[in-house]
């Protein structure tokens, strides 16, 4: 292709002069064409993990409903296992406590100390009221006769005797304490705690009442109050339960 240097007209033929300006034409080099370079496309390598990933995606897309159900079942089993293990742990703690004898259980006398102990050692010392009824000491003594090998042989009968004693003298700490043990033997731990509360109210320095109330609290699942009672009993001279509870990691 040629071009006129004056009018800039381009000509494709073989003429040497411009038709309009009569000037010699100048040869114009053809424009360079851009060439696109195609680079080879990299192939993705299929690794072992990617193969399994694709396989799992196919399986999940086909069986997603069953996978959802299996996930829920596994979650329920995990929660159930935790609840069962917690329940077993509580039962284990309860078993550790039930193996502990109440105060003075190793001797076949009334649990605790006081006037009623002397009555057991000498049952003939019975004092009647002026109208011939049984006195408070009599009712306590009859309840004590049912105490054998660390528990009441007939807790309900013992409670009946002690109720009669409380009708005559409602401010006797030993009677509340004895009835608390009877309720404990029946597994009525809350009633036992209430009687121990009265015994402690009437006699604040009563170590055996703190001792047994702590054991009842443990059976009710209230470890903090139980350990507090064991600590108080230890301050009053009964430290065996506190030490044993610390060994079993039930108290700190």
C-alpha atoms as a PDB file:
ATOM      1  CA  UNK A   1       0.000   0.000   0.000  1.00  0.00           C
ATOM      2  CA  UNK A   2       1.204   3.548  -0.897  1.00  0.00           C
ATOM      3  CA  UNK A   3       0.317   6.925   0.559  1.00  0.00           C
ATOM      4  CA  UNK A   4       0.585  10.513  -0.703  1.00  0.00           C
ATOM      5  CA  UNK A   5       2.808  12.571   1.590  1.00  0.00           C
ATOM      6  CA  UNK A   6       0.757  15.701   0.897  1.00  0.00           C
ATOM      7  CA  UNK A   7      -2.921  14.732   0.990  1.00  0.00           C
ATOM      8  CA  UNK A   8      -2.363  11.487   2.883  1.00  0.00           C
ATOM      9  CA  UNK A   9      -4.491   9.563   0.403  1.00  0.00           C
ATOM     10  CA  UNK A  10      -3.846   5.849   0.299  1.00  0.00           C
ATOM     11  CA  UNK A  11      -3.651   3.822  -2.886  1.00  0.00           C
ATOM     12  CA  UNK A  12      -3.680   0.063  -3.316  1.00  0.00           C
ATOM     13  CA  UNK A  13      -2.668  -0.095  -6.984  1.00  0.00           C
ATOM     14  CA  UNK A  14       0.768   0.162  -8.452  1.00  0.00           C
ATOM     15  CA  UNK A  15       0.661   3.880  -9.238  1.00  0.00           C
ATOM     16  CA  UNK A  16       3.677   5.899  -8.332  1.00  0.00           C
ATOM     17  CA  UNK A  17       2.148   9.411  -8.298  1.00  0.00           C
ATOM     18  CA  UNK A  18      -0.845  10.837  -6.515  1.00  0.00           C
ATOM     19  CA  UNK A  19      -3.858  11.370  -8.718  1.00  0.00           C
ATOM     20  CA  UNK A  20      -4.750  14.552  -6.902  1.00  0.00           C
ATOM     21  CA  UNK A  21      -1.439  16.165  -5.959  1.00  0.00           C
ATOM     22  CA  UNK A  22       0.787  14.651  -8.569  1.00  0.00           C
ATOM     23  CA  UNK A  23       3.283  13.829  -5.847  1.00  0.00           C
ATOM     24  CA  UNK A  24       5.323  10.706  -5.599  1.00  0.00           C
ATOM     25  CA  UNK A  25       3.728   8.143  -3.361  1.00  0.00           C
ATOM     26  CA  UNK A  26       5.457   6.728  -0.351  1.00  0.00           C
ATOM     27  CA  UNK A  27       5.233   3.039   0.421  1.00  0.00           C
ATOM     28  CA  UNK A  28       3.516   2.358   3.712  1.00  0.00           C
ATOM     29  CA  UNK A  29       4.459  -0.882   5.553  1.00  0.00           C
ATOM     30  CA  UNK A  30       1.487  -3.117   6.395  1.00  0.00           C
ATOM     31  CA  UNK A  31       0.312  -3.042  10.027  1.00  0.00           C
ATOM     32  CA  UNK A  32       1.576  -5.784  12.244  1.00  0.00           C
ATOM     33  CA  UNK A  33      -0.993  -8.344  13.226  1.00  0.00           C
ATOM     34  CA  UNK A  34      -1.221  -9.356  16.840  1.00  0.00           C
ATOM     35  CA  UNK A  35      -0.836 -13.037  17.431  1.00  0.00           C
ATOM     36  CA  UNK A  36      -2.510 -14.653  20.408  1.00  0.00           C
ATOM     37  CA  UNK A  37      -0.360 -17.119  22.261  1.00  0.00           C
ATOM     38  CA  UNK A  38      -2.259 -20.052  23.662  1.00  0.00           C
ATOM     39  CA  UNK A  39      -0.705 -21.472  26.741  1.00  0.00           C
ATOM     40  CA  UNK A  40      -1.354 -25.104  27.531  1.00  0.00           C
ATOM     41  CA  UNK A  41      -4.115 -25.547  30.160  1.00  0.00           C
ATOM     42  CA  UNK A  42      -2.954 -27.111  33.376  1.00  0.00           C
ATOM     43  CA  UNK A  43      -4.766 -30.222  34.288  1.00  0.00           C
ATOM     44  CA  UNK A  44      -5.969 -30.599  37.860  1.00  0.00           C
ATOM     45  CA  UNK A  45      -4.510 -33.588  39.499  1.00  0.00           C
ATOM     46  CA  UNK A  46      -7.002 -35.733  41.303  1.00  0.00           C
ATOM     47  CA  UNK A  47      -5.532 -36.502  44.681  1.00  0.00           C
ATOM     48  CA  UNK A  48      -6.614 -39.283  47.027  1.00  0.00           C
ATOM     49  CA  UNK A  49      -8.426 -36.758  49.225  1.00  0.00           C
ATOM     50  CA  UNK A  50     -10.322 -35.170  46.332  1.00  0.00           C
ATOM     51  CA  UNK A  51     -11.495 -38.579  45.157  1.00  0.00           C
ATOM     52  CA  UNK A  52     -12.848 -39.418  48.590  1.00  0.00           C
ATOM     53  CA  UNK A  53     -14.403 -35.967  48.835  1.00  0.00           C
ATOM     54  CA  UNK A  54     -16.271 -36.464  45.600  1.00  0.00           C
ATOM     55  CA  UNK A  55     -17.343 -39.938  46.712  1.00  0.00           C
ATOM     56  CA  UNK A  56     -18.620 -38.653  50.058  1.00  0.00           C
ATOM     57  CA  UNK A  57     -20.502 -35.841  48.343  1.00  0.00           C
ATOM     58  CA  UNK A  58     -22.252 -38.357  46.125  1.00  0.00           C
ATOM     59  CA  UNK A  59     -23.101 -40.590  49.058  1.00  0.00           C
ATOM     60  CA  UNK A  60     -24.360 -37.666  51.140  1.00  0.00           C
ATOM     61  CA  UNK A  61     -26.494 -36.304  48.299  1.00  0.00           C
ATOM     62  CA  UNK A  62     -28.068 -39.736  47.975  1.00  0.00           C
ATOM     63  CA  UNK A  63     -28.441 -40.678  51.657  1.00  0.00           C
ATOM     64  CA  UNK A  64     -28.616 -37.264  53.387  1.00  0.00           C
ATOM     65  CA  UNK A  65     -31.879 -38.165  55.163  1.00  0.00           C
ATOM     66  CA  UNK A  66     -30.363 -41.204  56.850  1.00  0.00           C
ATOM     67  CA  UNK A  67     -27.250 -39.228  57.747  1.00  0.00           C
ATOM     68  CA  UNK A  68     -29.471 -36.651  59.465  1.00  0.00           C
ATOM     69  CA  UNK A  69     -31.290 -39.352  61.454  1.00  0.00           C
ATOM     70  CA  UNK A  70     -28.026 -41.061  62.453  1.00  0.00           C
ATOM     71  CA  UNK A  71     -26.613 -37.726  63.668  1.00  0.00           C
ATOM     72  CA  UNK A  72     -29.672 -37.127  65.865  1.00  0.00           C
ATOM     73  CA  UNK A  73     -29.482 -40.665  67.286  1.00  0.00           C
ATOM     74  CA  UNK A  74     -25.785 -40.247  68.119  1.00  0.00           C
ATOM     75  CA  UNK A  75     -26.497 -36.913  69.840  1.00  0.00           C
ATOM     76  CA  UNK A  76     -29.290 -38.520  71.908  1.00  0.00           C
ATOM     77  CA  UNK A  77     -26.993 -41.408  72.881  1.00  0.00           C
ATOM     78  CA  UNK A  78     -24.251 -38.996  73.991  1.00  0.00           C
ATOM     79  CA  UNK A  79     -26.677 -36.988  76.132  1.00  0.00           C
ATOM     80  CA  UNK A  80     -28.154 -40.178  77.588  1.00  0.00           C
ATOM     81  CA  UNK A  81     -24.697 -41.520  78.405  1.00  0.00           C
ATOM     82  CA  UNK A  82     -23.814 -38.298  80.226  1.00  0.00           C
ATOM     83  CA  UNK A  83     -27.043 -38.433  82.246  1.00  0.00           C
ATOM     84  CA  UNK A  84     -26.509 -42.103  83.138  1.00  0.00           C
ATOM     85  CA  UNK A  85     -22.888 -41.507  84.142  1.00  0.00           C
ATOM     86  CA  UNK A  86     -23.974 -38.561  86.307  1.00  0.00           C
ATOM     87  CA  UNK A  87     -26.663 -40.700  87.937  1.00  0.00           C
ATOM     88  CA  UNK A  88     -24.161 -43.489  88.571  1.00  0.00           C
ATOM     89  CA  UNK A  89     -21.789 -40.968  90.127  1.00  0.00           C
ATOM     90  CA  UNK A  90     -24.549 -39.762  92.474  1.00  0.00           C
ATOM     91  CA  UNK A  91     -25.418 -43.357  93.366  1.00  0.00           C
ATOM     92  CA  UNK A  92     -21.755 -44.041  94.057  1.00  0.00           C
ATOM     93  CA  UNK A  93     -21.590 -41.073  96.409  1.00  0.00           C
ATOM     94  CA  UNK A  94     -24.769 -42.226  98.096  1.00  0.00           C
ATOM     95  CA  UNK A  95     -23.334 -45.742  98.527  1.00  0.00           C
ATOM     96  CA  UNK A  96     -20.200 -44.296 100.074  1.00  0.00           C
ATOM     97  CA  UNK A  97     -22.326 -42.412 102.571  1.00  0.00           C
ATOM     98  CA  UNK A  98     -24.668 -45.293 103.421  1.00  0.00           C
ATOM     99  CA  UNK A  99     -21.661 -47.335 104.441  1.00  0.00           C
ATOM    100  CA  UNK A 100     -20.987 -44.795 107.198  1.00  0.00           C
ATOM    101  CA  UNK A 101     -22.604 -45.717 110.476  1.00  0.00           C
ATOM    102  CA  UNK A 102     -24.459 -43.097 112.485  1.00  0.00           C
ATOM    103  CA  UNK A 103     -22.920 -41.889 115.737  1.00  0.00           C
ATOM    104  CA  UNK A 104     -22.447 -44.534 118.394  1.00  0.00           C
ATOM    105  CA  UNK A 105     -23.782 -47.221 116.070  1.00  0.00           C
ATOM    106  CA  UNK A 106     -20.993 -49.512 117.132  1.00  0.00           C
ATOM    107  CA  UNK A 107     -22.573 -49.948 120.567  1.00  0.00           C
ATOM    108  CA  UNK A 108     -26.096 -51.209 121.164  1.00  0.00           C
ATOM    109  CA  UNK A 109     -27.279 -48.151 123.030  1.00  0.00           C
ATOM    110  CA  UNK A 110     -29.222 -45.067 122.171  1.00  0.00           C
ATOM    111  CA  UNK A 111     -27.450 -43.012 119.492  1.00  0.00           C
ATOM    112  CA  UNK A 112     -26.041 -39.868 121.004  1.00  0.00           C
ATOM    113  CA  UNK A 113     -25.301 -38.931 124.557  1.00  0.00           C
ATOM    114  CA  UNK A 114     -27.353 -37.732 127.474  1.00  0.00           C
ATOM    115  CA  UNK A 115     -29.834 -38.861 130.066  1.00  0.00           C
ATOM    116  CA  UNK A 116     -31.415 -41.531 127.863  1.00  0.00           C
ATOM    117  CA  UNK A 117     -28.102 -43.436 127.651  1.00  0.00           C
ATOM    118  CA  UNK A 118     -28.231 -44.016 131.394  1.00  0.00           C
ATOM    119  CA  UNK A 119     -31.790 -45.266 131.084  1.00  0.00           C
ATOM    120  CA  UNK A 120     -30.696 -47.901 128.579  1.00  0.00           C
ATOM    121  CA  UNK A 121     -27.934 -49.093 130.861  1.00  0.00           C
ATOM    122  CA  UNK A 122     -30.423 -49.333 133.727  1.00  0.00           C
ATOM    123  CA  UNK A 123     -33.947 -49.854 132.273  1.00  0.00           C
ATOM    124  CA  UNK A 124     -35.458 -50.284 135.745  1.00  0.00           C
ATOM    125  CA  UNK A 125     -35.095 -46.557 136.444  1.00  0.00           C
ATOM    126  CA  UNK A 126     -38.557 -45.579 135.196  1.00  0.00           C
ATOM    127  CA  UNK A 127     -40.289 -42.484 136.517  1.00  0.00           C
ATOM    128  CA  UNK A 128     -44.072 -42.251 136.235  1.00  0.00           C
ATOM    129  CA  UNK A 129     -46.034 -39.028 136.174  1.00  0.00           C
ATOM    130  CA  UNK A 130     -48.395 -38.314 139.113  1.00  0.00           C
ATOM    131  CA  UNK A 131     -51.398 -39.573 137.123  1.00  0.00           C
ATOM    132  CA  UNK A 132     -49.628 -42.837 136.287  1.00  0.00           C
ATOM    133  CA  UNK A 133     -48.817 -42.004 132.648  1.00  0.00           C
ATOM    134  CA  UNK A 134     -45.452 -42.724 131.091  1.00  0.00           C
ATOM    135  CA  UNK A 135     -43.000 -39.872 131.451  1.00  0.00           C
ATOM    136  CA  UNK A 136     -40.769 -38.359 128.756  1.00  0.00           C
ATOM    137  CA  UNK A 137     -37.924 -40.577 129.903  1.00  0.00           C
ATOM    138  CA  UNK A 138     -40.161 -43.655 129.622  1.00  0.00           C
ATOM    139  CA  UNK A 139     -41.112 -42.924 126.033  1.00  0.00           C
ATOM    140  CA  UNK A 140     -37.500 -42.252 125.080  1.00  0.00           C
ATOM    141  CA  UNK A 141     -36.413 -45.395 126.870  1.00  0.00           C
ATOM    142  CA  UNK A 142     -38.987 -47.512 124.981  1.00  0.00           C
ATOM    143  CA  UNK A 143     -37.727 -46.072 121.708  1.00  0.00           C
ATOM    144  CA  UNK A 144     -34.149 -46.843 122.730  1.00  0.00           C
ATOM    145  CA  UNK A 145     -34.977 -50.500 123.320  1.00  0.00           C
ATOM    146  CA  UNK A 146     -35.701 -50.752 119.567  1.00  0.00           C
ATOM    147  CA  UNK A 147     -32.170 -49.570 118.693  1.00  0.00           C
ATOM    148  CA  UNK A 148     -29.978 -52.460 117.590  1.00  0.00           C
ATOM    149  CA  UNK A 149     -26.887 -52.756 115.416  1.00  0.00           C
ATOM    150  CA  UNK A 150     -26.819 -49.114 114.363  1.00  0.00           C
ATOM    151  CA  UNK A 151     -30.517 -48.643 113.534  1.00  0.00           C
ATOM    152  CA  UNK A 152     -34.054 -48.973 114.829  1.00  0.00           C
ATOM    153  CA  UNK A 153     -35.541 -52.438 114.339  1.00  0.00           C
ATOM    154  CA  UNK A 154     -39.001 -50.836 114.101  1.00  0.00           C
ATOM    155  CA  UNK A 155     -38.613 -47.155 113.137  1.00  0.00           C
ATOM    156  CA  UNK A 156     -42.368 -46.516 112.927  1.00  0.00           C
ATOM    157  CA  UNK A 157     -42.898 -47.775 116.483  1.00  0.00           C
ATOM    158  CA  UNK A 158     -39.950 -45.701 117.682  1.00  0.00           C
ATOM    159  CA  UNK A 159     -41.467 -42.600 116.041  1.00  0.00           C
ATOM    160  CA  UNK A 160     -44.746 -43.265 117.827  1.00  0.00           C
ATOM    161  CA  UNK A 161     -42.985 -43.490 121.203  1.00  0.00           C
ATOM    162  CA  UNK A 162     -40.999 -40.311 120.525  1.00  0.00           C
ATOM    163  CA  UNK A 163     -44.117 -38.431 119.394  1.00  0.00           C
ATOM    164  CA  UNK A 164     -45.661 -39.197 122.778  1.00  0.00           C
ATOM    165  CA  UNK A 165     -42.510 -37.920 124.478  1.00  0.00           C
ATOM    166  CA  UNK A 166     -42.650 -34.664 122.510  1.00  0.00           C
ATOM    167  CA  UNK A 167     -46.289 -34.131 123.454  1.00  0.00           C
ATOM    168  CA  UNK A 168     -45.225 -34.024 127.084  1.00  0.00           C
ATOM    169  CA  UNK A 169     -41.973 -32.116 126.607  1.00  0.00           C
ATOM    170  CA  UNK A 170     -41.631 -30.410 123.185  1.00  0.00           C
ATOM    171  CA  UNK A 171     -38.296 -28.777 124.053  1.00  0.00           C
ATOM    172  CA  UNK A 172     -36.151 -31.881 124.508  1.00  0.00           C
ATOM    173  CA  UNK A 173     -33.298 -31.942 121.950  1.00  0.00           C
ATOM    174  CA  UNK A 174     -32.494 -35.633 122.501  1.00  0.00           C
ATOM    175  CA  UNK A 175     -36.041 -36.676 121.506  1.00  0.00           C
ATOM    176  CA  UNK A 176     -35.884 -34.751 118.240  1.00  0.00           C
ATOM    177  CA  UNK A 177     -32.483 -36.260 117.544  1.00  0.00           C
ATOM    178  CA  UNK A 178     -33.731 -39.806 118.190  1.00  0.00           C
ATOM    179  CA  UNK A 179     -36.780 -39.301 115.982  1.00  0.00           C
ATOM    180  CA  UNK A 180     -34.540 -37.897 113.242  1.00  0.00           C
ATOM    181  CA  UNK A 181     -32.624 -41.180 113.261  1.00  0.00           C
ATOM    182  CA  UNK A 182     -35.883 -43.114 112.930  1.00  0.00           C
ATOM    183  CA  UNK A 183     -36.912 -41.035 109.913  1.00  0.00           C
ATOM    184  CA  UNK A 184     -33.439 -41.569 108.464  1.00  0.00           C
ATOM    185  CA  UNK A 185     -33.848 -45.355 108.822  1.00  0.00           C
ATOM    186  CA  UNK A 186     -37.120 -45.056 106.870  1.00  0.00           C
ATOM    187  CA  UNK A 187     -35.398 -43.101 104.101  1.00  0.00           C
ATOM    188  CA  UNK A 188     -37.389 -39.943 104.883  1.00  0.00           C
ATOM    189  CA  UNK A 189     -34.332 -37.708 104.827  1.00  0.00           C
ATOM    190  CA  UNK A 190     -36.153 -34.363 104.692  1.00  0.00           C
ATOM    191  CA  UNK A 191     -38.110 -35.148 107.870  1.00  0.00           C
ATOM    192  CA  UNK A 192     -34.880 -36.318 109.473  1.00  0.00           C
ATOM    193  CA  UNK A 193     -33.266 -32.960 108.616  1.00  0.00           C
ATOM    194  CA  UNK A 194     -36.202 -31.097 110.163  1.00  0.00           C
ATOM    195  CA  UNK A 195     -35.834 -33.024 113.436  1.00  0.00           C
ATOM    196  CA  UNK A 196     -32.066 -32.466 113.471  1.00  0.00           C
ATOM    197  CA  UNK A 197     -32.776 -28.750 112.928  1.00  0.00           C
ATOM    198  CA  UNK A 198     -34.930 -28.697 116.075  1.00  0.00           C
ATOM    199  CA  UNK A 199     -32.319 -30.614 118.045  1.00  0.00           C
ATOM    200  CA  UNK A 200     -29.633 -28.104 117.009  1.00  0.00           C
ATOM    201  CA  UNK A 201     -31.926 -25.163 117.747  1.00  0.00           C
ATOM    202  CA  UNK A 202     -32.488 -26.441 121.270  1.00  0.00           C
ATOM    203  CA  UNK A 203     -28.876 -27.532 121.721  1.00  0.00           C
ATOM    204  CA  UNK A 204     -26.494 -25.605 119.415  1.00  0.00           C
ATOM    205  CA  UNK A 205     -23.403 -27.524 120.589  1.00  0.00           C
ATOM    206  CA  UNK A 206     -24.819 -30.937 119.607  1.00  0.00           C
ATOM    207  CA  UNK A 207     -22.104 -32.586 117.428  1.00  0.00           C
ATOM    208  CA  UNK A 208     -24.071 -35.767 116.699  1.00  0.00           C
ATOM    209  CA  UNK A 209     -27.002 -33.744 115.336  1.00  0.00           C
ATOM    210  CA  UNK A 210     -24.685 -31.890 112.941  1.00  0.00           C
ATOM    211  CA  UNK A 211     -23.026 -35.188 112.040  1.00  0.00           C
ATOM    212  CA  UNK A 212     -26.273 -36.966 111.111  1.00  0.00           C
ATOM    213  CA  UNK A 213     -27.879 -33.942 109.478  1.00  0.00           C
ATOM    214  CA  UNK A 214     -24.880 -33.756 107.163  1.00  0.00           C
ATOM    215  CA  UNK A 215     -25.372 -37.413 106.201  1.00  0.00           C
ATOM    216  CA  UNK A 216     -29.063 -36.723 105.487  1.00  0.00           C
ATOM    217  CA  UNK A 217     -28.117 -33.718 103.355  1.00  0.00           C
ATOM    218  CA  UNK A 218     -25.802 -35.924 101.312  1.00  0.00           C
ATOM    219  CA  UNK A 219     -28.666 -38.307 100.611  1.00  0.00           C
ATOM    220  CA  UNK A 220     -30.760 -35.318  99.499  1.00  0.00           C
ATOM    221  CA  UNK A 221     -27.985 -34.302  97.095  1.00  0.00           C
ATOM    222  CA  UNK A 222     -27.035 -31.104  98.936  1.00  0.00           C
ATOM    223  CA  UNK A 223     -23.283 -31.582  99.301  1.00  0.00           C
ATOM    224  CA  UNK A 224     -22.479 -28.011 100.303  1.00  0.00           C
ATOM    225  CA  UNK A 225     -24.760 -28.067 103.374  1.00  0.00           C
ATOM    226  CA  UNK A 226     -23.568 -31.574 104.240  1.00  0.00           C
ATOM    227  CA  UNK A 227     -19.907 -30.533 104.228  1.00  0.00           C
ATOM    228  CA  UNK A 228     -20.781 -27.454 106.282  1.00  0.00           C
ATOM    229  CA  UNK A 229     -22.428 -29.668 108.934  1.00  0.00           C
ATOM    230  CA  UNK A 230     -19.468 -32.061 108.961  1.00  0.00           C
ATOM    231  CA  UNK A 231     -17.165 -29.093 109.489  1.00  0.00           C
ATOM    232  CA  UNK A 232     -19.292 -27.900 112.416  1.00  0.00           C
ATOM    233  CA  UNK A 233     -19.357 -31.417 113.887  1.00  0.00           C
ATOM    234  CA  UNK A 234     -15.558 -31.527 113.617  1.00  0.00           C
ATOM    235  CA  UNK A 235     -15.281 -28.231 115.475  1.00  0.00           C
ATOM    236  CA  UNK A 236     -17.346 -29.854 118.252  1.00  0.00           C
ATOM    237  CA  UNK A 237     -15.182 -32.977 118.351  1.00  0.00           C
ATOM    238  CA  UNK A 238     -16.534 -35.327 115.626  1.00  0.00           C
ATOM    239  CA  UNK A 239     -14.083 -35.161 112.687  1.00  0.00           C
ATOM    240  CA  UNK A 240     -14.251 -38.721 111.333  1.00  0.00           C
ATOM    241  CA  UNK A 241     -17.048 -38.007 108.827  1.00  0.00           C
ATOM    242  CA  UNK A 242     -15.346 -34.859 107.523  1.00  0.00           C
ATOM    243  CA  UNK A 243     -12.052 -36.680 107.032  1.00  0.00           C
ATOM    244  CA  UNK A 244     -13.727 -39.593 105.250  1.00  0.00           C
ATOM    245  CA  UNK A 245     -15.672 -37.218 102.989  1.00  0.00           C
ATOM    246  CA  UNK A 246     -12.449 -35.439 102.064  1.00  0.00           C
ATOM    247  CA  UNK A 247     -10.807 -38.777 101.248  1.00  0.00           C
ATOM    248  CA  UNK A 248     -13.746 -39.587  98.925  1.00  0.00           C
ATOM    249  CA  UNK A 249     -13.437 -36.060  97.412  1.00  0.00           C
ATOM    250  CA  UNK A 250     -16.978 -35.221  98.494  1.00  0.00           C
ATOM    251  CA  UNK A 251     -15.821 -32.274 100.622  1.00  0.00           C
ATOM    252  CA  UNK A 252     -12.924 -29.878 100.237  1.00  0.00           C
END
